[in-house]
Amino acid sequence: MKDKIFFGLKIAFFLFCMFLIFYGQQTVGKWELFLQLVGLAGLLFLLWNYNRKFV
């Protein structure tokens, strides 16, 4: 049960990060660039979290 909850949270976090990237891409400005970088950092965190069990 705990694994299913964490999987659901990871999916929601992934979708939120993708939203930040797509939203920031639509316009030009420092704030939108910051949103894209936060989204990218979130995706890198998810990738790190997935790969740390294989190291």
C-alpha atoms as a PDB file:
ATOM      1  CA  MET A   1       0.000   0.000   0.000  1.00  0.00           C
ATOM      2  CA  LYS A   2       2.838   2.377   0.862  1.00  0.00           C
ATOM      3  CA  ASP A   3       4.492   1.762  -2.508  1.00  0.00           C
ATOM      4  CA  LYS A   4       1.303   2.634  -4.375  1.00  0.00           C
ATOM      5  CA  ILE A   5       1.007   5.929  -2.503  1.00  0.00           C
ATOM      6  CA  PHE A   6       4.626   6.841  -3.274  1.00  0.00           C
ATOM      7  CA  PHE A   7       4.131   5.873  -6.924  1.00  0.00           C
ATOM      8  CA  GLY A   8       1.068   8.112  -7.121  1.00  0.00           C
ATOM      9  CA  LEU A   9       2.974  10.996  -5.535  1.00  0.00           C
ATOM     10  CA  LYS A  10       5.832  10.539  -7.995  1.00  0.00           C
ATOM     11  CA  ILE A  11       3.408  10.609 -10.936  1.00  0.00           C
ATOM     12  CA  ALA A  12       1.763  13.773  -9.587  1.00  0.00           C
ATOM     13  CA  PHE A  13       5.172  15.404  -9.013  1.00  0.00           C
ATOM     14  CA  PHE A  14       6.247  14.449 -12.558  1.00  0.00           C
ATOM     15  CA  LEU A  15       3.126  15.993 -14.050  1.00  0.00           C
ATOM     16  CA  PHE A  16       3.612  19.145 -11.969  1.00  0.00           C
ATOM     17  CA  CYS A  17       7.223  19.474 -13.158  1.00  0.00           C
ATOM     18  CA  MET A  18       6.160  19.000 -16.770  1.00  0.00           C
ATOM     19  CA  PHE A  19       3.494  21.664 -16.270  1.00  0.00           C
ATOM     20  CA  LEU A  20       6.126  24.090 -14.965  1.00  0.00           C
ATOM     21  CA  ILE A  21       8.347  23.440 -17.972  1.00  0.00           C
ATOM     22  CA  PHE A  22       5.557  23.835 -20.521  1.00  0.00           C
ATOM     23  CA  TYR A  23       4.113  26.901 -18.795  1.00  0.00           C
ATOM     24  CA  GLY A  24       7.492  28.594 -18.616  1.00  0.00           C
ATOM     25  CA  GLN A  25       8.193  27.847 -22.261  1.00  0.00           C
ATOM     26  CA  GLN A  26       5.187  29.824 -23.509  1.00  0.00           C
ATOM     27  CA  THR A  27       6.551  33.276 -22.656  1.00  0.00           C
ATOM     28  CA  VAL A  28       9.910  34.995 -22.279  1.00  0.00           C
ATOM     29  CA  GLY A  29      11.123  36.387 -18.993  1.00  0.00           C
ATOM     30  CA  LYS A  30      13.211  35.723 -15.927  1.00  0.00           C
ATOM     31  CA  TRP A  31      10.309  34.341 -13.910  1.00  0.00           C
ATOM     32  CA  GLU A  32       9.369  31.848 -16.647  1.00  0.00           C
ATOM     33  CA  LEU A  33      12.989  30.736 -16.953  1.00  0.00           C
ATOM     34  CA  PHE A  34      13.047  30.165 -13.194  1.00  0.00           C
ATOM     35  CA  LEU A  35       9.901  28.038 -13.460  1.00  0.00           C
ATOM     36  CA  GLN A  36      11.524  25.951 -16.188  1.00  0.00           C
ATOM     37  CA  LEU A  37      14.634  25.445 -14.079  1.00  0.00           C
ATOM     38  CA  VAL A  38      12.558  24.372 -11.083  1.00  0.00           C
ATOM     39  CA  GLY A  39      10.705  21.894 -13.299  1.00  0.00           C
ATOM     40  CA  LEU A  40      13.968  20.566 -14.669  1.00  0.00           C
ATOM     41  CA  ALA A  41      15.391  20.207 -11.158  1.00  0.00           C
ATOM     42  CA  GLY A  42      12.287  18.243 -10.194  1.00  0.00           C
ATOM     43  CA  LEU A  43      12.729  15.878 -13.124  1.00  0.00           C
ATOM     44  CA  LEU A  44      16.387  15.392 -12.270  1.00  0.00           C
ATOM     45  CA  PHE A  45      15.403  14.636  -8.679  1.00  0.00           C
ATOM     46  CA  LEU A  46      12.970  11.964  -9.879  1.00  0.00           C
ATOM     47  CA  LEU A  47      15.649  10.471 -12.108  1.00  0.00           C
ATOM     48  CA  TRP A  48      18.140  10.433  -9.216  1.00  0.00           C
ATOM     49  CA  ASN A  49      15.532   8.866  -6.937  1.00  0.00           C
ATOM     50  CA  TYR A  50      14.895   6.105  -9.473  1.00  0.00           C
ATOM     51  CA  ASN A  51      18.574   5.365 -10.143  1.00  0.00           C
ATOM     52  CA  ARG A  52      19.877   5.417  -6.567  1.00  0.00           C
ATOM     53  CA  LYS A  53      18.629   1.878  -5.904  1.00  0.00           C
ATOM     54  CA  PHE A  54      20.815   0.546  -8.743  1.00  0.00           C
ATOM     55  CA  VAL A  55      24.107   2.032  -7.516  1.00  0.00           C
END
